[in-house]
Amino acid sequence: MMQVEAPYHYIHEYYQHAHRKLERLPDMASFLRSSLRRVHGKNVLNVGCGPQAYDHLLNLGTAPREYVGLDVNRNTFEFLHRSRCQSLVRARARAHDMGTHIEFVCGDVLECDAMMARRFDVVMGIGVFATFYGQRFEQLTSVLRDALCDGGRLLKVSWHRPHRSPEETARKLQYRYDSTIEPSPEELVAGFERAGFRLCEEEFFQCDPETHGWDLVQMCLFEKT
């Protein structure tokens, strides 16, 4: 399937659906907030930040001095800048009141290594790292390790084994929100460890597929060795 850029209306619907789902599922929302609170750093990179970039920032453990949201989709940033969706308007205003320098970068993480080298205390990926596999995953972990300062940390939250319609899966694949091969939680941990990361914390949220639409959510906190 040829991959194309997600249109603005898809990103808008994706954002609203994600908000409605977290409101409807307070247990999953609590798990995600608890995961984000593990992020403490002056310089934070959010890889594949998506339209929830401001929401993620507001839930970090401490407010960073610099926060960079990186995403391959130009319409993500168009949405973040001009959407009048009330939840986003409130999050955007609160984020700017924090005093954090916020920068958005449109680009492929695998091609941004020079811009990111040893720049960050923390790298985070919410629902994105599991979309890489094989050689691309190895390249990703190398780029992320190089982006971190010595002793820097990496937060990974990934959703596993989705339950959704073939049509929804096809759209996600077309817009690069998913991949045809899903690494297991164990494979993801092993891949980061091979790349020079030490697993510091791991936590699982067992989902009800009928209610949550997934089997499992995995949170990992790694340290660069």
Protein backbone atom coordinates (compact mmCIF):
# COMPACT_ATOMS: atom_id res chain seq x y z
CA MET A 1 0.00 0.00 0.00
CA MET A 2 1.35 3.40 -0.97
CA GLN A 3 1.85 5.65 2.05
CA VAL A 4 0.64 9.23 1.82
CA GLU A 5 0.35 12.17 4.18
CA ALA A 6 -2.66 12.12 6.47
CA PRO A 7 -5.11 14.88 5.49
CA TYR A 8 -6.09 17.59 7.94
CA HIS A 9 -9.58 16.20 8.52
CA TYR A 10 -8.15 12.78 9.47
CA ILE A 11 -5.85 14.35 12.05
CA HIS A 12 -8.74 16.37 13.45
CA GLU A 13 -10.89 13.24 13.77
CA TYR A 14 -7.97 11.25 15.21
CA TYR A 15 -7.40 13.87 17.92
CA GLN A 16 -11.06 14.10 18.87
CA HIS A 17 -11.44 10.31 18.93
CA ALA A 18 -8.37 9.95 21.16
CA HIS A 19 -9.77 12.53 23.60
CA ARG A 20 -13.20 10.93 23.71
CA LYS A 21 -11.65 7.51 24.29
CA LEU A 22 -9.51 8.68 27.21
CA GLU A 23 -12.51 10.42 28.76
CA ARG A 24 -14.51 7.21 28.41
CA LEU A 25 -11.65 5.03 29.72
CA PRO A 26 -10.24 6.66 32.87
CA ASP A 27 -8.12 3.60 33.67
CA MET A 28 -6.21 3.88 30.39
CA ALA A 29 -5.97 7.67 30.77
CA SER A 30 -4.51 7.21 34.25
CA PHE A 31 -1.92 4.73 32.93
CA LEU A 32 -0.85 7.15 30.20
CA ARG A 33 -0.58 10.11 32.61
CA SER A 34 1.42 7.98 35.04
CA SER A 35 3.78 7.03 32.20
CA LEU A 36 4.28 10.65 31.13
CA ARG A 37 4.99 11.74 34.70
CA ARG A 38 8.19 9.70 34.54
CA VAL A 39 9.66 12.32 32.18
CA HIS A 40 11.99 14.77 33.98
CA GLY A 41 14.42 16.70 31.83
CA LYS A 42 15.40 20.18 30.73
CA ASN A 43 15.44 19.25 27.04
CA VAL A 44 12.79 16.81 25.83
CA LEU A 45 12.19 15.36 22.36
CA ASN A 46 8.77 13.90 21.53
CA VAL A 47 9.19 11.64 18.49
CA GLY A 48 6.06 11.21 16.40
CA CYS A 49 4.37 13.74 18.65
CA GLY A 50 1.14 13.79 16.64
CA PRO A 51 -1.77 16.10 17.43
CA GLN A 52 -1.49 15.29 21.18
CA ALA A 53 1.86 17.12 21.45
CA TYR A 54 0.53 19.75 23.86
CA ASP A 55 -1.40 17.17 25.90
CA HIS A 56 1.79 15.17 26.38
CA LEU A 57 3.75 18.24 27.47
CA LEU A 58 1.18 19.18 30.11
CA ASN A 59 1.45 15.75 31.76
CA LEU A 60 5.24 15.48 32.05
CA GLY A 61 6.73 15.04 35.51
CA THR A 62 8.44 18.44 35.36
CA ALA A 63 8.15 21.28 32.86
CA PRO A 64 11.14 21.17 30.51
CA ARG A 65 13.10 24.21 29.40
CA GLU A 66 12.92 23.04 25.77
CA TYR A 67 10.32 20.76 24.19
CA VAL A 68 10.65 19.61 20.58
CA GLY A 69 7.81 17.83 18.83
CA LEU A 70 8.93 15.88 15.75
CA ASP A 71 6.47 14.42 13.27
CA VAL A 72 6.65 13.35 9.62
CA ASN A 73 3.22 14.79 8.78
CA ARG A 74 2.98 18.50 7.89
CA ASN A 75 -0.74 18.56 8.60
CA THR A 76 -0.06 17.60 12.20
CA PHE A 77 1.52 21.00 12.77
CA GLU A 78 -1.12 22.79 10.73
CA PHE A 79 -3.66 21.28 13.10
CA LEU A 80 -1.64 22.13 16.22
CA HIS A 81 -1.26 25.75 15.12
CA ARG A 82 -4.72 26.64 13.86
CA SER A 83 -7.33 24.17 15.14
CA ARG A 84 -10.12 25.73 17.23
CA CYS A 85 -10.99 22.41 18.88
CA GLN A 86 -11.68 23.52 22.45
CA SER A 87 -9.60 20.85 24.18
CA LEU A 88 -6.62 21.77 21.99
CA VAL A 89 -7.16 25.53 22.48
CA ARG A 90 -7.06 25.03 26.26
CA ALA A 91 -4.01 22.74 26.10
CA ARG A 92 -2.16 25.13 23.78
CA ALA A 93 -2.78 28.09 26.09
CA ARG A 94 -1.71 26.17 29.21
CA ALA A 95 1.42 24.88 27.46
CA HIS A 96 2.52 28.35 26.39
CA ASP A 97 1.92 29.67 29.94
CA MET A 98 4.46 27.14 31.28
CA GLY A 99 7.41 29.13 29.95
CA THR A 100 8.79 26.15 28.04
CA HIS A 101 10.36 26.90 24.66
CA ILE A 102 8.25 24.81 22.25
CA GLU A 103 9.57 23.89 18.81
CA PHE A 104 7.85 21.78 16.18
CA VAL A 105 9.88 20.05 13.47
CA CYS A 106 8.40 18.34 10.42
CA GLY A 107 10.68 15.53 9.33
CA ASP A 108 11.55 11.85 9.35
CA VAL A 109 13.29 10.95 12.61
CA LEU A 110 15.74 8.79 10.65
CA GLU A 111 16.88 11.84 8.69
CA CYS A 112 17.14 14.28 11.61
CA ASP A 113 20.19 12.82 13.36
CA ALA A 114 22.44 15.84 12.79
CA MET A 115 19.86 18.26 14.20
CA MET A 116 19.32 16.12 17.31
CA ALA A 117 22.83 14.94 18.22
CA ARG A 118 23.37 14.91 22.03
CA ARG A 119 20.76 17.62 22.42
CA PHE A 120 18.25 16.00 24.77
CA ASP A 121 17.99 14.72 28.34
CA VAL A 122 14.86 12.72 27.50
CA VAL A 123 13.45 11.22 24.30
CA MET A 124 9.87 10.01 24.36
CA GLY A 125 7.66 8.12 21.92
CA ILE A 126 3.97 7.55 22.61
CA GLY A 127 2.56 4.90 20.29
CA VAL A 128 5.24 5.32 17.64
CA PHE A 129 8.31 3.14 18.25
CA ALA A 130 6.39 -0.10 17.65
CA THR A 131 5.73 1.04 14.07
CA PHE A 132 9.43 0.47 13.25
CA TYR A 133 10.92 -2.99 12.70
CA GLY A 134 13.95 -4.72 11.22
CA GLN A 135 16.65 -2.45 9.83
CA ARG A 136 14.51 0.66 10.32
CA PHE A 137 14.13 -0.16 14.02
CA GLU A 138 17.89 -0.63 14.39
CA GLN A 139 18.47 2.69 12.65
CA LEU A 140 15.85 4.34 14.88
CA THR A 141 17.42 3.15 18.13
CA SER A 142 20.85 4.33 16.96
CA VAL A 143 19.50 7.79 16.09
CA LEU A 144 17.65 8.06 19.42
CA ARG A 145 20.71 7.00 21.41
CA ASP A 146 22.81 9.62 19.63
CA ALA A 147 20.16 12.27 20.35
CA LEU A 148 20.56 11.75 24.11
CA CYS A 149 23.14 13.24 26.39
CA ASP A 150 25.16 10.82 28.53
CA GLY A 151 22.84 9.19 31.04
CA GLY A 152 19.77 10.44 29.16
CA ARG A 153 16.50 8.57 29.38
CA LEU A 154 13.99 7.25 26.88
CA LEU A 155 10.27 6.70 27.51
CA LYS A 156 8.36 4.28 25.32
CA VAL A 157 4.61 3.66 25.49
CA SER A 158 3.25 1.22 22.92
CA TRP A 159 -0.16 -0.33 22.27
CA HIS A 160 -0.25 -3.98 21.18
CA ARG A 161 -2.61 -6.26 19.25
CA PRO A 162 -5.35 -3.87 18.12
CA HIS A 163 -8.98 -4.86 17.58
CA ARG A 164 -10.37 -2.69 14.79
CA SER A 165 -11.98 -2.86 11.39
CA PRO A 166 -9.96 -3.66 8.24
CA GLU A 167 -10.92 -0.22 6.90
CA GLU A 168 -9.47 1.57 9.92
CA THR A 169 -6.29 -0.50 9.75
CA ALA A 170 -5.92 0.31 6.05
CA ARG A 171 -6.15 4.06 6.76
CA LYS A 172 -3.59 3.82 9.54
CA LEU A 173 -1.19 1.95 7.29
CA GLN A 174 -1.70 4.41 4.45
CA TYR A 175 -1.02 7.40 6.71
CA ARG A 176 1.96 5.80 8.52
CA TYR A 177 0.13 5.53 11.83
CA ASP A 178 0.82 1.80 11.91
CA SER A 179 2.89 -0.92 10.24
CA THR A 180 2.18 -4.34 8.81
CA ILE A 181 4.57 -6.02 11.27
CA GLU A 182 4.06 -5.53 14.99
CA PRO A 183 7.02 -6.31 17.26
CA SER A 184 6.11 -7.88 20.57
CA PRO A 185 6.77 -6.03 23.85
CA GLU A 186 9.68 -8.39 24.50
CA GLU A 187 11.17 -7.73 21.08
CA LEU A 188 11.00 -3.98 21.64
CA VAL A 189 12.82 -4.22 24.96
CA ALA A 190 15.49 -6.50 23.47
CA GLY A 191 15.98 -4.14 20.55
CA PHE A 192 16.56 -1.12 22.76
CA GLU A 193 18.91 -3.10 25.00
CA ARG A 194 20.97 -4.19 21.99
CA ALA A 195 21.26 -0.53 21.00
CA GLY A 196 22.81 0.44 24.33
CA PHE A 197 19.85 1.19 26.58
CA ARG A 198 19.29 -0.20 30.07
CA LEU A 199 15.71 -0.97 31.10
CA CYS A 200 14.95 0.94 34.31
CA GLU A 201 11.18 0.50 34.61
CA GLU A 202 8.52 -1.52 32.84
CA GLU A 203 4.79 -1.58 33.41
CA PHE A 204 1.86 -3.16 31.59
CA PHE A 205 -1.77 -2.20 31.31
CA GLN A 206 -3.94 -5.19 30.47
CA CYS A 207 -6.79 -4.06 28.25
CA ASP A 208 -10.28 -5.37 27.74
CA PRO A 209 -10.33 -5.74 23.94
CA GLU A 210 -14.07 -5.12 23.79
CA THR A 211 -13.78 -1.87 25.73
CA HIS A 212 -10.30 -0.53 24.98
CA GLY A 213 -9.75 -1.91 21.49
CA TRP A 214 -6.32 -3.36 22.35
CA ASP A 215 -4.91 -6.32 24.27
CA LEU A 216 -2.05 -4.58 26.03
CA VAL A 217 -0.21 -1.30 26.63
CA GLN A 218 3.48 -1.39 27.55
CA MET A 219 5.44 1.39 29.26
CA CYS A 220 9.23 1.24 29.38
CA LEU A 221 11.73 3.71 30.77
CA PHE A 222 15.29 3.20 29.53
CA GLU A 223 18.62 4.85 30.33
CA LYS A 224 21.39 5.39 27.81
CA THR A 225 24.48 3.41 28.88
